[in-house]
Protein backbone atom coordinates (compact mmCIF):
# COMPACT_ATOMS: atom_id res chain seq x y z
CA MET A 1 33.88 -68.06 -76.37
CA ASN A 2 32.18 -71.37 -74.95
CA SER A 3 28.86 -72.10 -75.64
CA PRO A 4 26.83 -72.37 -72.36
CA PRO A 5 26.25 -75.37 -70.72
CA SER A 6 22.66 -76.76 -71.93
CA GLU A 7 21.39 -76.96 -68.46
CA ILE A 8 21.30 -73.33 -68.13
CA GLN A 9 17.72 -71.94 -68.10
CA ILE A 10 16.89 -68.53 -68.53
CA SER A 11 13.38 -66.65 -67.68
CA VAL A 12 12.75 -63.48 -68.53
CA LEU A 13 10.72 -61.05 -66.39
CA LYS A 14 8.82 -58.36 -67.42
CA THR A 15 8.37 -56.96 -63.54
CA ILE A 16 9.78 -58.18 -60.32
CA GLU A 17 7.66 -56.85 -57.96
CA GLY A 18 6.67 -59.01 -55.40
CA GLU A 19 9.43 -61.52 -56.06
CA GLU A 20 10.57 -62.35 -52.91
CA GLU A 21 12.25 -65.82 -53.74
CA LEU A 22 14.25 -64.01 -56.93
CA ARG A 23 14.97 -60.97 -53.97
CA GLU A 24 17.30 -63.19 -51.64
CA GLN A 25 18.93 -65.51 -54.49
CA TRP A 26 19.55 -61.93 -56.08
CA ASN A 27 21.11 -60.22 -53.35
CA ASN A 28 22.88 -63.41 -52.51
CA LEU A 29 24.71 -63.36 -56.35
CA VAL A 30 25.44 -59.40 -56.08
CA LEU A 31 27.96 -60.39 -52.42
CA GLN A 32 29.44 -62.84 -54.61
CA THR A 33 30.85 -60.52 -57.68
CA GLU A 34 34.13 -59.04 -58.02
CA ALA A 35 33.42 -55.89 -56.30
CA PRO A 36 29.66 -55.60 -54.67
CA GLN A 37 27.71 -52.66 -55.28
CA VAL A 38 24.14 -51.26 -54.09
CA PHE A 39 23.67 -50.78 -57.63
CA PHE A 40 23.44 -54.06 -58.52
CA THR A 41 20.23 -55.16 -56.01
CA TYR A 42 17.34 -56.42 -56.36
CA GLU A 43 16.28 -53.55 -54.67
CA TRP A 44 17.58 -51.15 -56.56
CA ALA A 45 16.22 -52.37 -60.05
CA LEU A 46 12.74 -52.74 -58.26
CA ALA A 47 13.10 -49.05 -57.18
CA VAL A 48 13.93 -47.69 -61.26
CA GLU A 49 11.12 -50.19 -62.14
CA ARG A 50 8.77 -48.15 -59.86
CA ALA A 51 9.65 -44.91 -60.87
CA PHE A 52 10.60 -45.11 -64.12
CA LYS A 53 7.32 -47.31 -65.04
CA SER A 54 5.91 -44.72 -67.71
CA THR A 55 9.21 -44.71 -70.06
CA ILE A 56 11.31 -47.82 -69.97
CA GLN A 57 10.17 -51.43 -70.04
CA PRO A 58 11.84 -54.04 -67.56
CA TRP A 59 13.47 -57.13 -68.91
CA ILE A 60 14.90 -58.73 -66.56
CA PHE A 61 17.41 -62.30 -67.65
CA ALA A 62 17.42 -64.45 -64.64
CA PHE A 63 19.57 -67.48 -65.56
CA ALA A 64 19.38 -70.68 -63.69
CA LYS A 65 21.51 -73.93 -63.06
CA HIS A 66 19.49 -77.41 -61.70
CA GLY A 67 17.10 -74.92 -59.95
CA LYS A 68 19.55 -72.63 -58.40
CA LEU A 69 19.88 -69.30 -59.80
CA ILE A 70 23.28 -68.28 -61.02
CA GLY A 71 23.16 -65.05 -63.07
CA VAL A 72 20.67 -61.89 -63.42
CA ALA A 73 21.32 -59.18 -66.30
CA ALA A 74 18.41 -56.45 -65.42
CA LEU A 75 17.88 -54.80 -68.57
CA ALA A 76 15.08 -52.47 -70.08
CA CYS A 77 13.99 -50.86 -73.52
CA ASP A 78 12.23 -47.63 -74.24
CA MET A 79 9.08 -48.39 -74.61
CA SER A 80 9.03 -47.16 -78.08
CA ASP A 81 11.67 -49.72 -79.17
CA SER A 82 11.69 -53.13 -77.78
CA LYS A 83 14.88 -54.09 -80.00
CA LYS A 84 17.44 -52.05 -78.36
CA PHE A 85 18.33 -53.12 -74.68
CA PHE A 86 20.30 -51.16 -72.07
CA PHE A 87 20.77 -51.58 -68.36
CA LEU A 88 17.86 -50.89 -65.87
CA GLY A 89 20.02 -48.79 -63.51
CA ALA A 90 21.67 -47.48 -66.44
CA SER A 91 20.70 -43.99 -65.65
CA THR A 92 20.73 -44.22 -61.98
CA GLY A 93 23.50 -45.99 -60.83
CA ASP A 94 27.52 -45.17 -60.56
CA TYR A 95 28.05 -49.12 -61.94
CA CYS A 96 26.44 -51.43 -64.21
CA ASP A 97 26.93 -55.31 -64.65
CA VAL A 98 25.65 -58.25 -65.27
CA ILE A 99 25.26 -60.21 -61.88
CA SER A 100 26.83 -63.85 -61.00
CA THR A 101 30.28 -65.49 -59.70
CA PRO A 102 33.06 -64.80 -61.27
CA GLY A 103 33.54 -68.13 -62.27
CA ASP A 104 29.67 -68.37 -63.84
CA ARG A 105 29.80 -65.07 -65.68
CA GLU A 106 31.49 -66.26 -69.30
CA ASP A 107 28.57 -68.87 -69.28
CA VAL A 108 25.82 -66.28 -68.08
CA VAL A 109 26.90 -63.65 -70.73
CA THR A 110 26.64 -66.50 -73.66
CA ALA A 111 23.41 -67.18 -72.09
CA LEU A 112 22.55 -63.95 -72.39
CA LEU A 113 23.83 -63.25 -75.86
CA ARG A 114 22.08 -66.02 -77.44
CA GLU A 115 18.38 -65.27 -75.87
CA PHE A 116 19.24 -61.62 -77.65
CA GLN A 117 19.28 -63.78 -81.14
CA LYS A 118 16.25 -65.74 -80.19
CA LEU A 119 14.47 -61.98 -79.42
CA LYS A 120 15.78 -60.93 -82.75
CA ILE A 121 17.63 -57.90 -80.76
CA ARG A 122 19.29 -55.44 -82.60
CA GLY A 123 21.81 -53.91 -80.57
CA ALA A 124 22.58 -52.86 -76.45
CA PHE A 125 24.52 -50.64 -74.49
CA PHE A 126 26.27 -51.27 -71.67
CA ALA A 127 27.29 -48.47 -69.70
CA SER A 128 29.41 -47.68 -66.79
CA VAL A 129 30.45 -51.49 -66.35
CA PRO A 130 33.69 -51.44 -64.18
CA GLU A 131 37.04 -51.80 -65.77
CA ASP A 132 37.99 -54.91 -64.04
CA SER A 133 34.55 -56.55 -64.66
CA ILE A 134 34.72 -60.25 -65.95
CA THR A 135 31.88 -59.10 -68.30
CA LEU A 136 34.41 -57.15 -70.28
CA GLN A 137 36.12 -60.14 -70.81
CA ALA A 138 32.94 -62.25 -71.69
CA LEU A 139 31.36 -59.52 -74.51
CA ALA A 140 34.91 -59.26 -76.30
CA GLN A 141 34.18 -62.29 -77.43
CA SER A 142 30.10 -61.52 -78.66
CA HIS A 143 31.16 -61.83 -82.58
CA SER A 144 30.57 -66.00 -82.08
CA ALA A 145 26.79 -65.01 -80.74
CA GLY A 146 26.48 -62.72 -84.10
CA TYR A 147 27.40 -59.63 -82.11
CA TRP A 148 30.03 -56.72 -82.90
CA ASN A 149 31.16 -54.82 -79.64
CA THR A 150 32.96 -52.04 -79.32
CA SER A 151 33.79 -49.94 -75.69
CA GLN A 152 34.90 -46.84 -74.68
CA PRO A 153 35.95 -45.21 -71.27
CA ALA A 154 32.67 -43.47 -69.57
CA TYR A 155 33.63 -42.38 -66.40
CA THR A 156 36.11 -42.57 -63.52
CA CYS A 157 35.10 -42.80 -60.01
CA ARG A 158 37.69 -41.23 -57.67
CA ARG A 159 37.67 -43.39 -54.27
CA ILE A 160 39.33 -43.05 -50.77
CA VAL A 161 40.48 -45.79 -49.43
CA PHE A 162 40.83 -46.54 -45.82
CA ASP A 163 43.63 -48.07 -43.56
CA ARG A 164 41.86 -49.73 -40.46
CA LYS A 165 43.74 -47.48 -37.47
CA SER A 166 41.18 -48.20 -34.50
CA THR A 167 38.31 -50.54 -33.73
CA ASN A 168 36.28 -47.13 -33.52
CA PRO A 169 32.26 -47.85 -34.80
CA ILE A 170 31.15 -45.43 -37.22
CA GLY A 171 28.73 -42.62 -36.24
CA SER A 172 30.55 -40.41 -33.99
CA SER A 173 29.38 -37.22 -33.25
CA VAL A 174 31.83 -33.84 -34.42
CA SER A 175 32.68 -32.84 -31.04
CA GLU A 176 34.92 -35.55 -31.01
CA HIS A 177 36.50 -34.89 -34.58
CA ARG A 178 39.11 -31.73 -34.38
CA LEU A 179 37.67 -29.16 -36.86
CA ASN A 180 41.15 -28.59 -38.46
CA SER A 181 39.92 -27.71 -41.66
CA GLU A 182 39.39 -24.01 -42.94
CA LYS A 183 35.94 -25.07 -43.88
CA LEU A 184 35.03 -26.28 -40.50
CA ARG A 185 36.58 -23.29 -38.63
CA ARG A 186 34.74 -21.13 -40.81
CA LEU A 187 31.22 -22.82 -40.18
CA SER A 188 31.95 -23.49 -36.81
CA LYS A 189 32.25 -19.16 -36.13
CA LEU A 190 28.56 -19.33 -37.21
CA GLY A 191 27.31 -21.44 -34.34
CA LYS A 192 27.27 -25.21 -33.30
CA ILE A 193 27.97 -27.99 -35.60
CA SER A 194 26.24 -31.27 -35.60
CA PHE A 195 26.65 -34.36 -37.49
CA GLU A 196 24.06 -37.27 -37.96
CA HIS A 197 24.29 -40.48 -40.35
CA LEU A 198 20.29 -41.46 -40.86
CA GLN A 199 19.72 -44.55 -42.02
CA ALA A 200 16.18 -45.99 -41.33
CA THR A 201 12.86 -45.12 -43.76
CA ASP A 202 11.38 -42.58 -41.12
CA GLU A 203 14.16 -40.66 -40.45
CA ILE A 204 15.13 -40.05 -43.65
CA ALA A 205 11.96 -39.39 -45.56
CA PRO A 206 11.29 -35.93 -43.42
CA VAL A 207 14.49 -34.27 -45.07
CA LEU A 208 14.27 -35.48 -48.36
CA ASP A 209 12.02 -32.41 -49.37
CA PRO A 210 14.66 -29.94 -48.14
CA MET A 211 17.70 -31.44 -49.50
CA ILE A 212 15.67 -31.97 -53.09
CA LYS A 213 14.97 -28.58 -52.79
CA ALA A 214 18.61 -27.41 -51.84
CA GLN A 215 19.70 -29.15 -55.03
CA ILE A 216 17.30 -27.77 -57.47
CA ALA A 217 18.24 -24.09 -55.83
CA ARG A 218 21.97 -25.39 -56.35
CA PHE A 219 22.01 -26.30 -59.89
CA LEU A 220 20.05 -23.00 -60.82
CA SER A 221 22.17 -21.08 -59.07
CA THR A 222 24.80 -22.26 -61.75
CA ASN A 223 22.66 -21.85 -65.04
CA ARG A 224 21.70 -25.39 -64.75
CA LEU A 225 18.35 -27.29 -64.54
CA SER A 226 18.51 -30.06 -61.89
CA PRO A 227 17.52 -33.64 -62.97
CA LEU A 228 15.11 -33.86 -59.88
CA LEU A 229 12.68 -31.01 -61.28
CA ARG A 230 11.63 -34.67 -63.08
CA PRO A 231 8.61 -36.09 -60.71
CA GLU A 232 10.17 -39.50 -61.24
CA ARG A 233 13.77 -39.09 -60.51
CA ARG A 234 12.24 -37.41 -56.92
CA ASN A 235 9.88 -40.72 -56.73
CA PHE A 236 13.10 -42.59 -57.33
CA LEU A 237 14.64 -41.14 -54.09
CA ALA A 238 11.67 -41.86 -52.12
CA GLU A 239 11.39 -45.53 -53.63
CA LEU A 240 15.20 -45.90 -52.86
CA THR A 241 14.41 -45.07 -49.37
CA SER A 242 11.74 -47.34 -48.33
CA LEU A 243 13.22 -50.25 -50.41
CA LEU A 244 16.89 -49.69 -48.74
CA GLY A 245 16.14 -48.43 -45.32
CA PRO A 246 15.01 -51.61 -43.86
CA ARG A 247 18.24 -53.34 -45.20
CA HIS A 248 20.31 -50.85 -43.53
CA TRP A 249 22.10 -50.07 -46.64
CA MET A 250 20.63 -45.86 -46.77
CA ASP A 251 22.97 -43.51 -45.09
CA LEU A 252 21.74 -40.31 -45.86
CA SER A 253 24.57 -38.19 -43.83
CA VAL A 254 23.62 -34.60 -42.26
CA LEU A 255 25.52 -31.31 -41.34
CA ARG A 256 23.48 -28.84 -39.17
CA LEU A 257 24.20 -25.27 -37.90
CA ASN A 258 22.60 -24.62 -34.83
CA GLY A 259 20.05 -27.22 -35.53
CA ARG A 260 19.44 -26.20 -38.90
CA ASP A 261 20.19 -28.94 -42.01
CA ILE A 262 22.98 -27.19 -44.20
CA ALA A 263 24.18 -29.99 -46.10
CA TRP A 264 22.85 -33.31 -46.94
CA ASN A 265 24.47 -36.67 -48.59
CA PHE A 266 21.95 -38.72 -49.65
CA GLY A 267 24.18 -41.79 -49.60
CA PHE A 268 24.23 -45.88 -49.20
CA ARG A 269 26.49 -47.88 -46.81
CA PHE A 270 27.15 -51.42 -48.42
CA GLU A 271 29.71 -53.44 -47.91
CA GLU A 272 31.97 -51.40 -45.65
CA VAL A 273 31.88 -48.96 -48.58
CA LEU A 274 29.75 -45.38 -47.85
CA PHE A 275 28.96 -43.85 -51.15
CA TRP A 276 28.97 -39.74 -51.85
CA TYR A 277 25.58 -40.36 -54.45
CA LEU A 278 24.09 -37.30 -54.19
CA PRO A 279 25.25 -34.45 -52.11
CA GLY A 280 23.89 -30.84 -51.70
CA PHE A 281 23.79 -27.88 -49.44
CA ASP A 282 22.07 -24.66 -48.40
CA THR A 283 23.08 -21.99 -51.45
CA ALA A 284 22.82 -19.51 -48.90
CA LEU A 285 25.86 -20.64 -47.42
CA GLU A 286 27.71 -21.20 -50.07
CA SER A 287 30.85 -19.35 -49.19
CA HIS A 288 31.38 -20.95 -45.99
CA ARG A 289 31.81 -24.18 -48.62
CA PRO A 290 29.10 -26.45 -45.72
CA GLY A 291 29.02 -29.36 -48.71
CA GLY A 292 33.03 -29.63 -48.23
CA GLY A 293 32.94 -29.74 -44.65
CA LEU A 294 30.41 -32.43 -44.25
CA LEU A 295 32.88 -34.58 -46.66
CA ASN A 296 35.69 -33.46 -44.76
CA LEU A 297 33.72 -35.19 -41.68
CA LEU A 298 33.07 -38.07 -43.54
CA ASN A 299 36.66 -38.16 -44.45
CA GLU A 300 37.81 -37.85 -40.55
CA GLU A 301 35.46 -40.39 -39.59
CA GLY A 302 36.63 -43.30 -41.95
CA GLU A 303 40.19 -42.73 -41.33
CA GLN A 304 39.16 -43.97 -37.41
CA ALA A 305 36.14 -46.62 -38.18
CA ALA A 306 36.84 -49.90 -38.20
CA ASN A 307 33.51 -50.60 -40.34
CA LEU A 308 34.30 -48.61 -43.09
CA LYS A 309 37.22 -49.41 -45.69
CA GLU A 310 36.66 -46.69 -48.02
CA ILE A 311 34.48 -43.88 -49.30
CA ASP A 312 33.16 -44.16 -52.95
CA LEU A 313 33.27 -40.28 -54.26
CA GLY A 314 30.91 -41.53 -57.45
CA LEU A 315 30.58 -39.94 -61.20
CA GLY A 316 32.19 -36.45 -62.02
CA ASP A 317 35.93 -35.23 -62.26
CA GLU A 318 35.40 -32.44 -59.76
CA SER A 319 38.51 -30.82 -58.79
CA TYR A 320 37.70 -31.55 -54.93
CA LYS A 321 37.62 -35.24 -56.11
CA VAL A 322 40.51 -35.57 -57.53
CA HIS A 323 42.47 -33.72 -54.17
CA LEU A 324 40.83 -36.37 -51.89
CA ALA A 325 41.12 -39.69 -53.40
CA ASN A 326 44.01 -41.92 -53.09
CA ALA A 327 42.37 -44.75 -55.95
CA GLN A 328 39.76 -44.59 -58.60
CA ARG A 329 37.45 -47.36 -60.59
CA LYS A 330 36.96 -46.37 -64.07
CA THR A 331 34.15 -47.67 -66.25
CA LEU A 332 33.29 -48.52 -69.80
CA ASN A 333 30.62 -48.15 -72.13
CA VAL A 334 30.16 -51.31 -74.33
CA HIS A 335 27.92 -50.99 -77.49
CA LEU A 336 27.11 -54.27 -78.91
CA GLY A 337 25.41 -54.50 -82.81
CA ALA A 338 24.35 -57.37 -84.92
CA ASN A 339 24.63 -54.91 -87.97
CA PHE A 340 28.68 -54.77 -89.14
CA PHE A 341 27.99 -51.73 -90.55
CA SER A 342 26.56 -49.95 -87.82
CA HIS A 343 29.32 -51.35 -85.63
CA SER A 344 31.52 -50.16 -88.17
CA LYS A 345 29.58 -46.29 -87.64
CA THR A 346 29.62 -46.16 -83.92
CA LEU A 347 33.73 -47.12 -84.31
CA VAL A 348 34.53 -44.62 -86.12
CA ARG A 349 32.61 -42.38 -84.38
CA ASN A 350 34.14 -42.98 -81.00
CA GLU A 351 37.85 -43.10 -82.61
CA MET A 352 36.89 -39.39 -83.89
CA VAL A 353 35.56 -38.25 -80.47
CA LYS A 354 38.60 -39.93 -79.05
CA ARG A 355 40.96 -38.12 -81.00
CA ILE A 356 39.83 -34.76 -81.03
CA LYS A 357 39.25 -34.85 -76.95
CA SER A 358 42.63 -35.38 -77.33
CA PHE A 359 43.53 -31.61 -78.02
CA PRO A 360 41.20 -29.33 -76.21
CA ALA A 361 40.98 -26.70 -78.37
CA VAL A 362 40.00 -28.45 -81.05
CA GLU A 363 37.39 -29.92 -79.35
CA GLN A 364 35.97 -26.66 -77.94
CA PHE A 365 35.60 -25.62 -81.88
CA ALA A 366 34.06 -28.56 -82.67
CA ARG A 367 30.97 -28.13 -80.16
CA SER A 368 30.95 -24.57 -81.19
CA LEU A 369 30.45 -25.78 -84.81
CA LEU A 370 27.98 -28.57 -83.85
CA GLY A 371 26.02 -26.13 -81.54
CA ALA A 372 25.65 -23.33 -84.66
CA THR A 373 25.13 -26.26 -87.17
CA SER A 374 22.25 -27.39 -84.78
CA GLN A 375 20.69 -24.03 -84.95
CA VAL A 376 20.95 -23.25 -88.40
CA ILE A 377 19.24 -26.97 -88.57
CA LYS A 378 16.25 -26.00 -86.54
CA SER A 379 15.58 -22.52 -87.82
CA SER A 380 13.70 -22.37 -91.06
CA LYS A 381 15.07 -20.68 -94.15
CA LEU A 382 12.98 -17.31 -93.13
CA SER A 383 14.19 -17.06 -89.81
CA LEU A 384 18.20 -17.79 -91.35
CA LEU A 385 17.56 -14.81 -93.62
CA GLN A 386 16.38 -12.63 -90.94
CA ARG A 387 19.10 -13.22 -88.87
CA ILE A 388 21.60 -12.30 -91.46
CA PHE A 389 19.70 -9.14 -92.20
CA ARG A 390 19.85 -8.08 -88.49
CA LYS A 391 23.48 -8.97 -88.27
CA ILE A 392 23.73 -5.93 -91.31
CA PHE A 393 20.82 -3.53 -89.91
CA SER A 394 18.75 -3.78 -87.20
CA SER A 395 17.00 -0.90 -85.04
CA ASP A 396 15.82 -1.74 -81.55
CA GLU A 397 13.98 0.75 -79.30
CA THR A 398 13.88 0.63 -75.48
CA ILE A 399 10.98 2.63 -73.67
CA PHE A 400 11.20 4.26 -70.14
CA PHE A 401 7.99 4.85 -68.05
CA GLU A 402 8.36 6.72 -64.68
CA SER A 403 5.77 5.87 -61.92
CA ALA A 404 3.91 9.26 -61.72
CA GLY A 405 1.02 8.44 -58.72
CA ASP A 406 -0.39 5.98 -56.25
CA CYS A 407 -1.38 2.34 -57.79
CA ARG A 408 -4.41 2.46 -60.02
CA LEU A 409 -4.88 -1.46 -59.40
CA LYS A 410 -5.68 -2.82 -56.40
CA ASN A 411 -5.63 -6.34 -55.98
CA SER A 412 -4.80 -7.62 -52.46
CA SER A 413 -4.66 -11.15 -53.77
CA TYR A 414 -1.67 -10.56 -55.12
CA GLU A 415 1.38 -11.29 -52.69
CA THR A 416 5.27 -9.60 -53.32
CA GLU A 417 8.09 -11.61 -52.00
CA ALA A 418 11.48 -11.07 -52.55
CA LEU A 419 13.40 -13.74 -54.35
CA HIS A 420 15.82 -16.05 -52.46
CA TRP A 421 16.86 -19.51 -53.24
CA ASN A 422 14.42 -21.75 -51.18
CA ASN A 423 11.04 -19.82 -52.98
CA LEU A 424 12.89 -19.96 -56.11
CA ALA A 425 13.31 -23.60 -55.79
CA VAL A 426 9.68 -24.22 -54.86
CA LEU A 427 8.24 -22.10 -57.48
CA ALA A 428 10.42 -24.54 -60.02
CA LEU A 429 8.75 -27.55 -58.14
CA GLN A 430 5.48 -26.34 -58.68
CA ASN A 431 6.09 -25.20 -62.49
CA SER A 432 8.20 -28.35 -63.60
CA GLU A 433 6.34 -28.76 -66.65
CA ASP A 434 6.21 -25.59 -67.93
CA PRO A 435 9.94 -25.33 -69.83
CA GLU A 436 9.65 -21.43 -70.83
CA MET A 437 9.53 -20.81 -67.19
CA LEU A 438 12.39 -22.97 -66.08
CA GLU A 439 14.27 -21.40 -68.96
CA TYR A 440 13.55 -18.45 -67.48
CA LEU A 441 14.45 -19.26 -64.21
CA ARG A 442 17.60 -21.29 -65.22
CA GLN A 443 18.93 -18.05 -67.14
CA THR A 444 18.12 -15.55 -63.89
CA ALA A 445 18.72 -17.38 -60.78
CA PRO A 446 22.49 -16.70 -61.10
CA ARG A 447 21.39 -12.98 -60.10
CA ILE A 448 20.45 -13.94 -56.43
CA ARG A 449 23.83 -14.72 -56.01
CA LEU A 450 24.74 -10.77 -57.11
CA ALA A 451 22.10 -9.25 -55.18
CA LYS A 452 23.89 -9.48 -51.98
CA LYS A 453 26.75 -7.28 -53.25
CA LYS A 454 24.77 -5.18 -55.86
CA SER A 455 21.55 -3.09 -56.05
CA VAL A 456 20.14 -5.77 -57.77
CA HIS A 457 16.98 -7.18 -56.38
CA GLY A 458 14.20 -9.90 -57.71
CA PHE A 459 10.71 -10.40 -56.80
CA VAL A 460 8.11 -13.00 -57.26
CA VAL A 461 4.29 -11.61 -57.73
CA GLN A 462 1.82 -14.78 -57.15
CA GLY A 463 -1.87 -14.66 -56.97
CA TYR A 464 -4.13 -17.64 -56.20
CA ASP A 465 -1.90 -19.92 -58.54
CA SER A 466 1.36 -20.49 -58.31
CA LYS A 467 1.20 -21.30 -61.74
CA ASN A 468 0.36 -17.16 -62.56
CA ALA A 469 3.71 -16.40 -60.61
CA GLN A 470 5.46 -13.66 -62.35
CA TYR A 471 9.19 -12.30 -61.92
CA TYR A 472 10.58 -8.98 -62.02
CA TRP A 473 14.34 -7.96 -61.56
CA VAL A 474 14.99 -3.83 -59.84
CA ASP A 475 18.17 -2.30 -59.97
CA GLU A 476 19.22 1.48 -58.64
CA ILE A 477 19.81 3.53 -60.99
CA PRO A 478 20.90 7.29 -61.27
CA MET A 479 18.07 9.67 -61.76
CA LEU A 480 16.78 9.35 -65.36
CA ALA A 481 14.49 12.52 -64.67
CA ASP A 482 16.75 15.78 -63.87
CA GLU A 483 13.72 17.32 -61.98
CA HIS A 484 12.72 14.58 -59.87
CA PRO A 485 14.39 14.84 -56.71
CA GLN A 486 14.24 11.26 -55.37
CA PRO A 487 16.53 8.58 -56.09
CA ALA A 488 15.32 5.79 -58.50
CA ALA A 489 14.94 2.00 -59.11
CA MET A 490 14.11 0.02 -63.04
CA ILE A 491 12.30 -2.73 -63.66
CA PHE A 492 14.48 -4.01 -65.95
CA ASP A 493 13.74 -7.43 -66.79
CA HIS A 494 10.46 -9.38 -66.53
CA TRP A 495 8.31 -12.70 -66.75
CA ALA A 496 4.93 -13.73 -66.96
CA PRO A 497 2.96 -16.81 -68.36
CA ALA A 498 1.86 -16.44 -71.81
CA SER A 499 -1.95 -16.60 -70.91
CA ILE A 500 -1.54 -13.45 -68.34
CA ARG A 501 0.56 -11.03 -70.62
CA GLY A 502 -0.85 -7.99 -71.37
CA LYS A 503 -4.06 -8.65 -69.12
CA GLN A 504 -5.08 -7.28 -65.87
CA LEU A 505 -3.16 -10.01 -63.77
CA GLN A 506 0.17 -8.54 -65.46
CA LYS A 507 -1.09 -4.70 -64.88
CA ALA A 508 -1.67 -5.63 -61.02
CA ALA A 509 1.99 -7.41 -60.67
CA ILE A 510 3.47 -4.13 -62.28
CA GLU A 511 1.67 -2.02 -59.61
CA CYS A 512 2.50 -4.59 -56.93
CA VAL A 513 6.58 -4.32 -57.67
CA ALA A 514 5.94 -0.51 -58.16
CA GLU A 515 4.99 -0.13 -54.25
CA GLU A 516 7.42 -2.54 -53.50
CA ILE A 517 9.93 0.20 -54.62
CA LYS A 518 8.19 3.14 -53.41
CA LYS A 519 8.10 1.70 -49.70
CA GLN A 520 11.90 2.29 -50.37
CA GLY A 521 11.78 5.88 -50.91
CA LYS A 522 12.32 5.59 -54.48
CA THR A 523 10.77 6.27 -57.80
CA PRO A 524 10.04 2.83 -59.91
CA TRP A 525 10.90 3.20 -63.44
CA PHE A 526 10.22 0.67 -65.97
CA SER A 527 12.50 -0.44 -68.96
CA VAL A 528 10.48 -2.32 -71.91
CA ASN A 529 11.51 -3.22 -75.44
CA HIS A 530 9.19 -1.77 -78.06
CA ALA A 531 8.54 -5.20 -79.56
CA GLU A 532 6.95 -6.39 -76.24
CA GLN A 533 3.88 -5.27 -77.05
CA ASN A 534 2.36 -7.27 -74.14
CA VAL A 535 4.02 -5.42 -71.59
CA LEU A 536 3.25 -2.05 -72.97
CA HIS A 537 -0.25 -3.03 -73.29
CA ALA A 538 0.15 -3.79 -69.37
CA LEU A 539 1.61 -0.47 -68.99
CA GLN A 540 -1.16 1.73 -70.20
CA ASN A 541 -3.70 1.49 -67.71
CA SER A 542 -0.79 1.58 -64.86
CA SER A 543 0.43 4.41 -62.63
CA PHE A 544 3.24 4.37 -65.27
CA ASN A 545 3.43 6.97 -67.72
CA PRO A 546 6.27 6.76 -70.89
CA ARG A 547 8.99 9.61 -70.78
CA TYR A 548 11.15 8.69 -73.73
CA ALA A 549 13.21 6.23 -75.49
CA ILE A 550 16.21 5.47 -76.32
CA ILE A 551 16.58 3.97 -80.07
CA HIS A 552 19.93 1.90 -80.99
CA ARG A 553 20.56 1.54 -84.82
CA LYS A 554 22.76 -0.47 -86.84
CA PHE A 555 24.19 -0.58 -90.57
CA ILE A 556 27.06 -3.03 -90.50
CA PHE A 557 28.21 -0.83 -87.37
CA SER A 558 26.59 0.48 -84.52
CA MET A 559 25.35 4.20 -84.75
CA PRO A 560 25.54 6.44 -81.86
CA ALA A 561 22.13 5.91 -79.73
CA GLU A 562 19.16 8.41 -80.28
CA ARG A 563 16.73 9.78 -77.57
CA LYS A 564 13.12 10.97 -78.10
CA GLN A 565 10.29 12.19 -75.52
CA VAL A 566 7.39 9.46 -75.79
CA HIS A 567 4.05 10.85 -74.97
CA HIS A 568 1.83 7.71 -75.15
CA PRO A 569 3.21 3.67 -75.48
CA GLN A 570 2.99 2.45 -78.62
CA ALA A 571 0.68 -0.40 -77.63
CA ARG A 572 -1.57 -2.10 -79.74
CA PRO A 573 -5.18 -3.11 -77.74
């Protein structure tokens, strides 16, 4: 690597807020890169700075020659460690890179590494650098600046590249498209389909909230927690909308059914490329594939539009992307380290990961082993011994209660509502700082999908405060008491905040759910483990009476279950 020209001046900015002159020069450089990306723009960097200001510190390196900007490296560090750098947009952008013309890239990267030396930077992690970026060639010579580098594959971004077939502008309505896909035909049977591109900030802002809720519900339905539960992630989307909208770089595509939004893509339109960045759809219509229908329309539109050359499907190897794509762009992660031993450690780890991933069975075993090891490390010796003991000998008792009368705890301030995807997403957002509740929602949300096919139903009981929301799951069961003529329904799972467990609020909520069951002409039952003393205490003064218990014992092997009569709950005051 050649030494950078002495006339290069370097400025380091800790904020770019209000830097209008820098903004225009920065964006002009983006347009001169090998493959211009919206993720490289000043606006993207500013949106990240504003949204994540509580956790990261921007370090913007600006390189100028003869008073003219020739390069930008938008980097950042964690608040807790200012000696390790990463791309400012690493956690939000599909692609990251040093920005300059191809001819200036080597000089800019060299100048950056020299500045690293002056600042005594220990290392840097350059994520998601496009495989064809000149930056990778410049970094390959980083040892001349005192840094060791190693790279490994990151992601493959699938792309749909179009042949220009006509001069029609993008933005035609659905009625002009042939509904020739199975997804669109199925949707059209439910009503009128419409399709729109929203690009102005004031058009997009009202759509953000329902889109975010749908995305959160979608994640919960697949037993995951959405990143959008974090407020900074939601703020980031709002900042992008306000910053990219005026530049006409936003494109939020919406698919509607009878005027109701059912699928979205929070995307971008930049240099004749449409980005499939954050798609989502109404989980209640999952069987009709609304997300696939939206992408199909975008694909058909792109084939006919003169002002769109490709759709970048972004990160991820989902099967639908592989099926649709006719091109791809790979990215690499590059680690820079000033310490040879640290570099060697990274190199060995990357090689091991590469070899393990080449054997799927070995990779699965390694993941299981790492998970088990992590659990052992987190556990104390006592808890480990307890688990070993339970593997050999255990005793588990479940007590069954029957509601034997009218509700004893009238509480008009409580409302009982059936769980569905929308209110589940709202509750997750309202309690995004409560990890215990979120974990419960993550584990139980997939039951909503089964509720349509089976007799399982979920209820949320809320009072004056959403943070006191309680959850109860009910299932129809065969009659548990031979003398009882009515069909029965069992409350088989429940969750309440720790602050109200066993107290009056939980008792009232249990009675609310019992009333809902009675409205269906069924007898309410409640099953609870003997170890759940708080719930047993809540049941003591309710309309539920203990009927019997089922005991499961284990001594190496499981023993036959025992049934015994119970006359009062074993609850502590």
